[in-house]
PDB file of N, CA and C in Angstrom:
ATOM      1  N   UNK A   1     -36.551  15.817  10.651  1.00  0.00           N
ATOM      2  CA  UNK A   1     -35.131  15.770  11.407  1.00  0.00           C
ATOM      3  C   UNK A   1     -35.171  14.239  11.201  1.00  0.00           C
ATOM      4  N   UNK A   2     -35.842  13.717  10.356  1.00  0.00           N
ATOM      5  CA  UNK A   2     -36.336  11.869  10.328  1.00  0.00           C
ATOM      6  C   UNK A   2     -35.116  12.039   8.926  1.00  0.00           C
ATOM      7  N   UNK A   3     -35.120  13.753   8.183  1.00  0.00           N
ATOM      8  CA  UNK A   3     -34.431  13.566   6.858  1.00  0.00           C
ATOM      9  C   UNK A   3     -32.498  13.559   7.681  1.00  0.00           C
ATOM     10  N   UNK A   4     -32.463  14.527   8.196  1.00  0.00           N
ATOM     11  CA  UNK A   4     -31.091  14.423   9.068  1.00  0.00           C
ATOM     12  C   UNK A   4     -30.735  13.324   9.639  1.00  0.00           C
ATOM     13  N   UNK A   5     -31.317  12.897  10.459  1.00  0.00           N
ATOM     14  CA  UNK A   5     -30.812  11.568  11.127  1.00  0.00           C
ATOM     15  C   UNK A   5     -30.055   9.923  10.022  1.00  0.00           C
ATOM     16  N   UNK A   6     -31.149   9.916   8.840  1.00  0.00           N
ATOM     17  CA  UNK A   6     -30.973   9.238   8.048  1.00  0.00           C
ATOM     18  C   UNK A   6     -29.359   9.425   7.210  1.00  0.00           C
ATOM     19  N   UNK A   7     -29.111  11.299   7.029  1.00  0.00           N
ATOM     20  CA  UNK A   7     -28.604  11.056   6.081  1.00  0.00           C
ATOM     21  C   UNK A   7     -27.506  11.227   6.808  1.00  0.00           C
ATOM     22  N   UNK A   8     -27.006  11.248   8.278  1.00  0.00           N
ATOM     23  CA  UNK A   8     -25.938  11.230   9.010  1.00  0.00           C
ATOM     24  C   UNK A   8     -25.477   9.685   9.062  1.00  0.00           C
ATOM     25  N   UNK A   9     -26.527   8.957   9.953  1.00  0.00           N
ATOM     26  CA  UNK A   9     -26.342   7.449   9.286  1.00  0.00           C
ATOM     27  C   UNK A   9     -25.556   7.139   8.308  1.00  0.00           C
ATOM     28  N   UNK A  10     -25.943   7.532   6.854  1.00  0.00           N
ATOM     29  CA  UNK A  10     -25.927   6.548   5.437  1.00  0.00           C
ATOM     30  C   UNK A  10     -24.255   7.057   5.259  1.00  0.00           C
ATOM     31  N   UNK A  11     -24.470   9.153   5.505  1.00  0.00           N
ATOM     32  CA  UNK A  11     -22.683   9.236   5.796  1.00  0.00           C
ATOM     33  C   UNK A  11     -21.502   9.012   7.125  1.00  0.00           C
ATOM     34  N   UNK A  12     -22.304   7.939   7.785  1.00  0.00           N
ATOM     35  CA  UNK A  12     -20.931   7.393   8.880  1.00  0.00           C
ATOM     36  C   UNK A  12     -20.911   6.339   8.254  1.00  0.00           C
ATOM     37  N   UNK A  13     -21.818   5.069   7.732  1.00  0.00           N
ATOM     38  CA  UNK A  13     -22.146   3.620   6.977  1.00  0.00           C
ATOM     39  C   UNK A  13     -20.921   3.861   6.135  1.00  0.00           C
ATOM     40  N   UNK A  14     -21.035   5.125   5.040  1.00  0.00           N
ATOM     41  CA  UNK A  14     -19.805   5.041   4.079  1.00  0.00           C
ATOM     42  C   UNK A  14     -19.119   5.554   4.427  1.00  0.00           C
ATOM     43  N   UNK A  15     -18.507   6.079   5.713  1.00  0.00           N
ATOM     44  CA  UNK A  15     -16.971   6.255   5.530  1.00  0.00           C
ATOM     45  C   UNK A  15     -16.699   5.513   6.230  1.00  0.00           C
ATOM     46  N   UNK A  16     -17.203   4.744   6.717  1.00  0.00           N
ATOM     47  CA  UNK A  16     -16.888   3.560   7.619  1.00  0.00           C
ATOM     48  C   UNK A  16     -16.529   2.802   6.951  1.00  0.00           C
ATOM     49  N   UNK A  17     -17.152   2.181   5.630  1.00  0.00           N
ATOM     50  CA  UNK A  17     -16.856   1.086   4.528  1.00  0.00           C
ATOM     51  C   UNK A  17     -15.524   1.765   3.767  1.00  0.00           C
ATOM     52  N   UNK A  18     -15.703   3.086   3.280  1.00  0.00           N
ATOM     53  CA  UNK A  18     -14.676   3.635   3.045  1.00  0.00           C
ATOM     54  C   UNK A  18     -13.400   3.837   3.499  1.00  0.00           C
ATOM     55  N   UNK A  19     -12.958   3.741   5.105  1.00  0.00           N
ATOM     56  CA  UNK A  19     -12.072   3.108   5.443  1.00  0.00           C
ATOM     57  C   UNK A  19     -11.520   2.002   5.243  1.00  0.00           C
ATOM     58  N   UNK A  20     -12.620   1.067   5.357  1.00  0.00           N
ATOM     59  CA  UNK A  20     -12.163  -0.238   5.699  1.00  0.00           C
ATOM     60  C   UNK A  20     -11.433  -0.831   4.147  1.00  0.00           C
ATOM     61  N   UNK A  21     -11.880  -0.545   2.730  1.00  0.00           N
ATOM     62  CA  UNK A  21     -11.595  -0.287   1.922  1.00  0.00           C
ATOM     63  C   UNK A  21     -10.160   0.371   1.596  1.00  0.00           C
ATOM     64  N   UNK A  22     -10.215   1.705   2.073  1.00  0.00           N
ATOM     65  CA  UNK A  22      -8.669   2.036   2.148  1.00  0.00           C
ATOM     66  C   UNK A  22      -7.430   1.140   3.173  1.00  0.00           C
ATOM     67  N   UNK A  23      -8.178   0.699   4.410  1.00  0.00           N
ATOM     68  CA  UNK A  23      -7.405   0.049   4.934  1.00  0.00           C
ATOM     69  C   UNK A  23      -6.759  -1.816   3.894  1.00  0.00           C
ATOM     70  N   UNK A  24      -8.027  -1.872   3.506  1.00  0.00           N
ATOM     71  CA  UNK A  24      -7.189  -3.083   2.342  1.00  0.00           C
ATOM     72  C   UNK A  24      -6.265  -2.105   1.484  1.00  0.00           C
ATOM     73  N   UNK A  25      -6.759  -1.574   0.932  1.00  0.00           N
ATOM     74  CA  UNK A  25      -5.470  -0.235   0.031  1.00  0.00           C
ATOM     75  C   UNK A  25      -3.982  -0.588   0.431  1.00  0.00           C
ATOM     76  N   UNK A  26      -3.765  -0.105   1.763  1.00  0.00           N
ATOM     77  CA  UNK A  26      -3.091   0.228   2.313  1.00  0.00           C
ATOM     78  C   UNK A  26      -1.824  -1.259   2.879  1.00  0.00           C
ATOM     79  N   UNK A  27      -2.673  -2.203   2.957  1.00  0.00           N
ATOM     80  CA  UNK A  27      -2.164  -3.806   3.461  1.00  0.00           C
ATOM     81  C   UNK A  27      -1.814  -4.638   2.096  1.00  0.00           C
ATOM     82  N   UNK A  28      -2.052  -3.693   0.703  1.00  0.00           N
ATOM     83  CA  UNK A  28      -2.147  -4.199  -0.489  1.00  0.00           C
ATOM     84  C   UNK A  28      -0.181  -4.026  -1.031  1.00  0.00           C
ATOM     85  N   UNK A  29      -0.595  -2.445  -0.759  1.00  0.00           N
ATOM     86  CA  UNK A  29       0.647  -1.453  -0.501  1.00  0.00           C
ATOM     87  C   UNK A  29       1.773  -2.185  -0.178  1.00  0.00           C
ATOM     88  N   UNK A  30       1.397  -2.197   1.473  1.00  0.00           N
ATOM     89  CA  UNK A  30       2.096  -2.971   2.311  1.00  0.00           C
ATOM     90  C   UNK A  30       3.097  -3.900   1.744  1.00  0.00           C
ATOM     91  N   UNK A  31       2.270  -5.416   0.745  1.00  0.00           N
ATOM     92  CA  UNK A  31       3.129  -6.182   0.358  1.00  0.00           C
ATOM     93  C   UNK A  31       4.040  -6.115  -0.882  1.00  0.00           C
ATOM     94  N   UNK A  32       3.707  -4.747  -1.252  1.00  0.00           N
ATOM     95  CA  UNK A  32       3.746  -4.155  -2.943  1.00  0.00           C
ATOM     96  C   UNK A  32       5.404  -3.660  -2.344  1.00  0.00           C
ATOM     97  N   UNK A  33       5.185  -2.973  -1.017  1.00  0.00           N
ATOM     98  CA  UNK A  33       6.649  -2.479  -1.268  1.00  0.00           C
ATOM     99  C   UNK A  33       7.529  -3.488  -0.632  1.00  0.00           C
ATOM    100  N   UNK A  34       6.916  -5.027  -0.082  1.00  0.00           N
ATOM    101  CA  UNK A  34       8.325  -5.885   0.961  1.00  0.00           C
ATOM    102  C   UNK A  34       8.881  -6.828  -0.586  1.00  0.00           C
ATOM    103  N   UNK A  35       7.746  -6.242  -1.596  1.00  0.00           N
ATOM    104  CA  UNK A  35       8.494  -7.063  -2.652  1.00  0.00           C
ATOM    105  C   UNK A  35       9.126  -5.953  -3.686  1.00  0.00           C
ATOM    106  N   UNK A  36       9.398  -5.123  -3.413  1.00  0.00           N
ATOM    107  CA  UNK A  36      10.197  -4.251  -4.240  1.00  0.00           C
ATOM    108  C   UNK A  36      11.474  -4.015  -3.821  1.00  0.00           C
ATOM    109  N   UNK A  37      12.673  -3.884  -4.925  1.00  0.00           N
ATOM    110  CA  UNK A  37      13.455  -4.077  -4.610  1.00  0.00           C
ATOM    111  C   UNK A  37      13.958  -2.480  -3.682  1.00  0.00           C
ATOM    112  N   UNK A  38      15.373  -2.887  -2.803  1.00  0.00           N
ATOM    113  CA  UNK A  38      15.584  -2.395  -1.693  1.00  0.00           C
ATOM    114  C   UNK A  38      16.050  -0.644  -1.887  1.00  0.00           C
ATOM    115  N   UNK A  39      16.996  -0.724  -3.511  1.00  0.00           N
ATOM    116  CA  UNK A  39      17.459   0.434  -4.439  1.00  0.00           C
ATOM    117  C   UNK A  39      16.946   0.864  -4.873  1.00  0.00           C
ATOM    118  N   UNK A  40      15.363   1.022  -5.237  1.00  0.00           N
ATOM    119  CA  UNK A  40      14.660   1.383  -5.799  1.00  0.00           C
ATOM    120  C   UNK A  40      14.117   3.063  -5.134  1.00  0.00           C
ATOM    121  N   UNK A  41      13.840   2.552  -4.090  1.00  0.00           N
ATOM    122  CA  UNK A  41      13.157   3.889  -3.068  1.00  0.00           C
ATOM    123  C   UNK A  41      14.440   5.173  -3.418  1.00  0.00           C
ATOM    124  N   UNK A  42      16.037   4.843  -2.845  1.00  0.00           N
ATOM    125  CA  UNK A  42      16.613   5.705  -2.925  1.00  0.00           C
ATOM    126  C   UNK A  42      16.389   6.415  -4.506  1.00  0.00           C
ATOM    127  N   UNK A  43      16.530   5.585  -5.661  1.00  0.00           N
ATOM    128  CA  UNK A  43      17.230   6.171  -6.562  1.00  0.00           C
ATOM    129  C   UNK A  43      15.755   6.276  -7.371  1.00  0.00           C
ATOM    130  N   UNK A  44      14.798   6.709  -6.561  1.00  0.00           N
ATOM    131  CA  UNK A  44      13.472   7.420  -6.805  1.00  0.00           C
ATOM    132  C   UNK A  44      13.653   8.919  -5.889  1.00  0.00           C
ATOM    133  N   UNK A  45      14.860   9.111  -5.319  1.00  0.00           N
ATOM    134  CA  UNK A  45      14.535  10.258  -3.733  1.00  0.00           C
ATOM    135  C   UNK A  45      13.585  10.402  -3.228  1.00  0.00           C
ATOM    136  N   UNK A  46      12.837   8.924  -2.417  1.00  0.00           N
ATOM    137  CA  UNK A  46      12.249   8.489  -2.228  1.00  0.00           C
ATOM    138  C   UNK A  46      12.635   7.993  -0.303  1.00  0.00           C
ATOM    139  N   UNK A  47      11.670   7.966   0.372  1.00  0.00           N
ATOM    140  CA  UNK A  47      11.849   7.540   1.975  1.00  0.00           C
ATOM    141  C   UNK A  47      12.072   6.075   1.939  1.00  0.00           C
ATOM    142  N   UNK A  48      12.803   5.480   2.784  1.00  0.00           N
ATOM    143  CA  UNK A  48      13.606   3.945   2.626  1.00  0.00           C
ATOM    144  C   UNK A  48      12.425   3.442   2.490  1.00  0.00           C
ATOM    145  N   UNK A  49      12.826   1.838   2.155  1.00  0.00           N
ATOM    146  CA  UNK A  49      11.625   0.974   2.115  1.00  0.00           C
ATOM    147  C   UNK A  49      11.378   0.890   3.262  1.00  0.00           C
ATOM    148  N   UNK A  50      11.493   0.500   4.139  1.00  0.00           N
ATOM    149  CA  UNK A  50      11.242   0.067   5.730  1.00  0.00           C
ATOM    150  C   UNK A  50      10.634   1.180   6.279  1.00  0.00           C
ATOM    151  N   UNK A  51      10.851   2.537   6.066  1.00  0.00           N
ATOM    152  CA  UNK A  51      10.185   3.592   6.499  1.00  0.00           C
ATOM    153  C   UNK A  51       8.620   3.943   5.198  1.00  0.00           C
ATOM    154  N   UNK A  52       8.389   3.154   4.255  1.00  0.00           N
ATOM    155  CA  UNK A  52       7.129   3.089   3.212  1.00  0.00           C
ATOM    156  C   UNK A  52       6.428   1.691   4.311  1.00  0.00           C
ATOM    157  N   UNK A  53       6.951   0.581   4.357  1.00  0.00           N
ATOM    158  CA  UNK A  53       6.599  -0.274   5.565  1.00  0.00           C
ATOM    159  C   UNK A  53       6.070   0.286   6.177  1.00  0.00           C
ATOM    160  N   UNK A  54       6.552   0.761   7.306  1.00  0.00           N
ATOM    161  CA  UNK A  54       5.926   1.427   8.567  1.00  0.00           C
ATOM    162  C   UNK A  54       4.649   2.373   8.451  1.00  0.00           C
ATOM    163  N   UNK A  55       4.744   3.160   7.561  1.00  0.00           N
ATOM    164  CA  UNK A  55       3.689   4.334   6.889  1.00  0.00           C
ATOM    165  C   UNK A  55       2.971   3.284   6.443  1.00  0.00           C
ATOM    166  N   UNK A  56       3.021   2.611   5.931  1.00  0.00           N
ATOM    167  CA  UNK A  56       1.737   1.949   5.063  1.00  0.00           C
ATOM    168  C   UNK A  56       0.976   0.958   6.197  1.00  0.00           C
ATOM    169  N   UNK A  57       1.571   0.536   6.970  1.00  0.00           N
ATOM    170  CA  UNK A  57       1.073  -0.681   8.436  1.00  0.00           C
ATOM    171  C   UNK A  57       0.597   0.181   9.560  1.00  0.00           C
ATOM    172  N   UNK A  58       1.099   0.921   9.484  1.00  0.00           N
ATOM    173  CA  UNK A  58       0.251   2.413  10.552  1.00  0.00           C
ATOM    174  C   UNK A  58      -0.568   2.875   9.612  1.00  0.00           C
ATOM    175  N   UNK A  59      -1.241   3.319   8.526  1.00  0.00           N
ATOM    176  CA  UNK A  59      -1.777   3.629   7.740  1.00  0.00           C
ATOM    177  C   UNK A  59      -3.053   2.609   7.760  1.00  0.00           C
ATOM    178  N   UNK A  60      -2.671   1.177   7.827  1.00  0.00           N
ATOM    179  CA  UNK A  60      -4.226   0.230   7.594  1.00  0.00           C
ATOM    180  C   UNK A  60      -4.489   0.401   8.838  1.00  0.00           C
ATOM    181  N   UNK A  61      -3.859   0.106   9.883  1.00  0.00           N
ATOM    182  CA  UNK A  61      -4.239  -0.074  11.664  1.00  0.00           C
ATOM    183  C   UNK A  61      -4.944   1.155  12.385  1.00  0.00           C
ATOM    184  N   UNK A  62      -4.468   2.198  11.800  1.00  0.00           N
ATOM    185  CA  UNK A  62      -5.347   3.775  11.756  1.00  0.00           C
ATOM    186  C   UNK A  62      -6.555   3.898  11.394  1.00  0.00           C
ATOM    187  N   UNK A  63      -6.870   3.346  10.393  1.00  0.00           N
ATOM    188  CA  UNK A  63      -7.914   3.477   9.320  1.00  0.00           C
ATOM    189  C   UNK A  63      -8.817   2.075  10.066  1.00  0.00           C
ATOM    190  N   UNK A  64      -8.293   1.522  10.685  1.00  0.00           N
ATOM    191  CA  UNK A  64      -9.418  -0.151  11.570  1.00  0.00           C
ATOM    192  C   UNK A  64      -9.696   0.650  12.729  1.00  0.00           C
ATOM    193  N   UNK A  65      -9.322   1.802  12.915  1.00  0.00           N
ATOM    194  CA  UNK A  65      -9.415   2.277  14.543  1.00  0.00           C
ATOM    195  C   UNK A  65     -10.785   3.036  14.135  1.00  0.00           C
ATOM    196  N   UNK A  66     -11.697   3.729  14.669  1.00  0.00           N
ATOM    197  CA  UNK A  66     -12.932   4.447  14.779  1.00  0.00           C
ATOM    198  C   UNK A  66     -11.809   5.741  15.522  1.00  0.00           C
ATOM    199  N   UNK A  67     -10.702   6.433  14.962  1.00  0.00           N
ATOM    200  CA  UNK A  67     -10.515   7.251  15.504  1.00  0.00           C
ATOM    201  C   UNK A  67     -10.645   8.319  14.070  1.00  0.00           C
ATOM    202  N   UNK A  68     -11.307   9.602  13.931  1.00  0.00           N
ATOM    203  CA  UNK A  68     -11.398  10.241  12.549  1.00  0.00           C
ATOM    204  C   UNK A  68     -10.089  10.564  12.329  1.00  0.00           C
ATOM    205  N   UNK A  69      -9.331  10.808  12.915  1.00  0.00           N
ATOM    206  CA  UNK A  69      -8.620  12.253  12.601  1.00  0.00           C
ATOM    207  C   UNK A  69      -7.312  11.481  12.098  1.00  0.00           C
ATOM    208  N   UNK A  70      -6.837   9.761  13.096  1.00  0.00           N
ATOM    209  CA  UNK A  70      -5.793   9.303  12.161  1.00  0.00           C
ATOM    210  C   UNK A  70      -6.166   8.382  11.439  1.00  0.00           C
ATOM    211  N   UNK A  71      -7.482   7.841  10.752  1.00  0.00           N
ATOM    212  CA  UNK A  71      -8.044   6.956   9.865  1.00  0.00           C
ATOM    213  C   UNK A  71      -8.052   8.268   8.776  1.00  0.00           C
ATOM    214  N   UNK A  72      -8.545   9.742   8.418  1.00  0.00           N
ATOM    215  CA  UNK A  72      -7.914  10.109   7.751  1.00  0.00           C
ATOM    216  C   UNK A  72      -6.747  10.417   6.837  1.00  0.00           C
ATOM    217  N   UNK A  73      -5.370  10.540   8.578  1.00  0.00           N
ATOM    218  CA  UNK A  73      -4.592  10.655   7.753  1.00  0.00           C
ATOM    219  C   UNK A  73      -3.853   9.664   7.044  1.00  0.00           C
ATOM    220  N   UNK A  74      -4.105   8.376   7.232  1.00  0.00           N
ATOM    221  CA  UNK A  74      -3.822   6.930   7.349  1.00  0.00           C
ATOM    222  C   UNK A  74      -4.302   6.918   5.453  1.00  0.00           C
ATOM    223  N   UNK A  75      -5.727   7.319   5.555  1.00  0.00           N
ATOM    224  CA  UNK A  75      -6.184   7.816   3.592  1.00  0.00           C
ATOM    225  C   UNK A  75      -5.237   8.039   3.212  1.00  0.00           C
ATOM    226  N   UNK A  76      -4.890   9.459   3.687  1.00  0.00           N
ATOM    227  CA  UNK A  76      -3.572  10.516   2.838  1.00  0.00           C
ATOM    228  C   UNK A  76      -2.696  10.143   2.685  1.00  0.00           C
ATOM    229  N   UNK A  77      -1.687   9.449   3.469  1.00  0.00           N
ATOM    230  CA  UNK A  77      -0.605   8.501   3.361  1.00  0.00           C
ATOM    231  C   UNK A  77      -0.289   7.204   2.681  1.00  0.00           C
ATOM    232  N   UNK A  78      -1.513   7.122   2.389  1.00  0.00           N
ATOM    233  CA  UNK A  78      -1.959   5.766   1.008  1.00  0.00           C
ATOM    234  C   UNK A  78      -2.363   6.070  -0.116  1.00  0.00           C
ATOM    235  N   UNK A  79      -2.538   7.245   0.178  1.00  0.00           N
ATOM    236  CA  UNK A  79      -2.824   7.956  -1.550  1.00  0.00           C
ATOM    237  C   UNK A  79      -1.222   7.969  -1.901  1.00  0.00           C
ATOM    238  N   UNK A  80      -1.413   9.049  -0.902  1.00  0.00           N
ATOM    239  CA  UNK A  80       0.684   9.672  -1.375  1.00  0.00           C
ATOM    240  C   UNK A  80       1.346   8.552  -1.763  1.00  0.00           C
ATOM    241  N   UNK A  81       1.260   7.184  -1.272  1.00  0.00           N
ATOM    242  CA  UNK A  81       2.107   5.707  -1.653  1.00  0.00           C
ATOM    243  C   UNK A  81       1.537   5.007  -2.955  1.00  0.00           C
ATOM    244  N   UNK A  82      -0.242   5.483  -3.421  1.00  0.00           N
ATOM    245  CA  UNK A  82      -0.264   4.487  -4.473  1.00  0.00           C
ATOM    246  C   UNK A  82      -0.583   5.241  -5.644  1.00  0.00           C
ATOM    247  N   UNK A  83      -0.285   6.954  -5.448  1.00  0.00           N
ATOM    248  CA  UNK A  83      -0.691   7.854  -6.653  1.00  0.00           C
ATOM    249  C   UNK A  83       0.913   8.849  -6.861  1.00  0.00           C
ATOM    250  N   UNK A  84       1.676   8.586  -5.776  1.00  0.00           N
ATOM    251  CA  UNK A  84       3.114   9.468  -6.175  1.00  0.00           C
ATOM    252  C   UNK A  84       3.785   8.398  -6.006  1.00  0.00           C
ATOM    253  N   UNK A  85       4.537   7.552  -5.182  1.00  0.00           N
ATOM    254  CA  UNK A  85       5.556   6.982  -4.611  1.00  0.00           C
ATOM    255  C   UNK A  85       5.610   5.559  -5.564  1.00  0.00           C
ATOM    256  N   UNK A  86       4.383   5.530  -5.735  1.00  0.00           N
ATOM    257  CA  UNK A  86       4.380   3.850  -6.418  1.00  0.00           C
ATOM    258  C   UNK A  86       4.676   3.910  -8.598  1.00  0.00           C
ATOM    259  N   UNK A  87       3.763   4.461  -8.877  1.00  0.00           N
ATOM    260  CA  UNK A  87       3.945   5.064 -10.294  1.00  0.00           C
ATOM    261  C   UNK A  87       5.393   5.179 -10.498  1.00  0.00           C
ATOM    262  N   UNK A  88       6.415   6.388  -9.705  1.00  0.00           N
ATOM    263  CA  UNK A  88       7.460   6.793 -10.370  1.00  0.00           C
ATOM    264  C   UNK A  88       8.479   5.156  -9.590  1.00  0.00           C
ATOM    265  N   UNK A  89       8.874   4.238  -9.033  1.00  0.00           N
ATOM    266  CA  UNK A  89       9.577   3.366  -8.805  1.00  0.00           C
ATOM    267  C   UNK A  89       9.265   2.477  -9.589  1.00  0.00           C
ATOM    268  N   UNK A  90       7.571   2.257 -10.075  1.00  0.00           N
ATOM    269  CA  UNK A  90       7.288   1.454 -11.155  1.00  0.00           C
ATOM    270  C   UNK A  90       8.536   1.700 -12.261  1.00  0.00           C
ATOM    271  N   UNK A  91       8.305   2.974 -12.862  1.00  0.00           N
ATOM    272  CA  UNK A  91       9.001   3.466 -14.268  1.00  0.00           C
ATOM    273  C   UNK A  91      10.421   3.319 -13.522  1.00  0.00           C
ATOM    274  N   UNK A  92      10.838   3.324 -12.542  1.00  0.00           N
ATOM    275  CA  UNK A  92      12.489   3.032 -12.129  1.00  0.00           C
ATOM    276  C   UNK A  92      13.034   1.634 -12.377  1.00  0.00           C
ATOM    277  N   UNK A  93      11.576   1.012 -11.850  1.00  0.00           N
ATOM    278  CA  UNK A  93      12.456  -0.597 -12.049  1.00  0.00           C
ATOM    279  C   UNK A  93      12.470  -0.627 -13.584  1.00  0.00           C
ATOM    280  N   UNK A  94      11.304  -0.468 -14.321  1.00  0.00           N
ATOM    281  CA  UNK A  94      10.819  -0.579 -15.710  1.00  0.00           C
ATOM    282  C   UNK A  94      11.875  -0.254 -16.333  1.00  0.00           C
ATOM    283  N   UNK A  95      12.736   0.966 -16.316  1.00  0.00           N
ATOM    284  CA  UNK A  95      13.268   1.359 -16.844  1.00  0.00           C
ATOM    285  C   UNK A  95      13.599   2.564 -17.553  1.00  0.00           C
ATOM    286  N   UNK A  96      12.157   3.073 -17.414  1.00  0.00           N
ATOM    287  CA  UNK A  96      11.842   4.339 -17.490  1.00  0.00           C
ATOM    288  C   UNK A  96      11.873   5.381 -16.530  1.00  0.00           C
ATOM    289  N   UNK A  97      12.909   6.107 -17.255  1.00  0.00           N
ATOM    290  CA  UNK A  97      13.400   7.537 -16.041  1.00  0.00           C
ATOM    291  C   UNK A  97      12.822   8.725 -16.926  1.00  0.00           C
ATOM    292  N   UNK A  98      11.309   9.026 -17.286  1.00  0.00           N
ATOM    293  CA  UNK A  98      10.615  10.376 -17.929  1.00  0.00           C
ATOM    294  C   UNK A  98       9.893  10.469 -16.664  1.00  0.00           C
ATOM    295  N   UNK A  99      10.037  10.047 -15.206  1.00  0.00           N
ATOM    296  CA  UNK A  99       9.147  10.403 -14.738  1.00  0.00           C
ATOM    297  C   UNK A  99       8.991  11.901 -14.091  1.00  0.00           C
TER     298      UNK A  99
END
């Protein structure tokens, strides 16, 4: 019984720290979106700049809140930006159109 309680506590602490780290990643992504050129988003066939700023800002806010479902949605949205949108925008801005 004590093992199960300790394990659940460990998972809870790990999850909270994970969401804090991802909230920081969302804030850094928000700063990068604000600094990115406006025309790169339509060139990459992505949502406009302000939409991505709202998504990342909302994601950071959702991951700070202790609501499990919203935290996971925010984590997924942050991952989509970092692993799909940002590499494509960076290649467009650098002139590499092989994405």
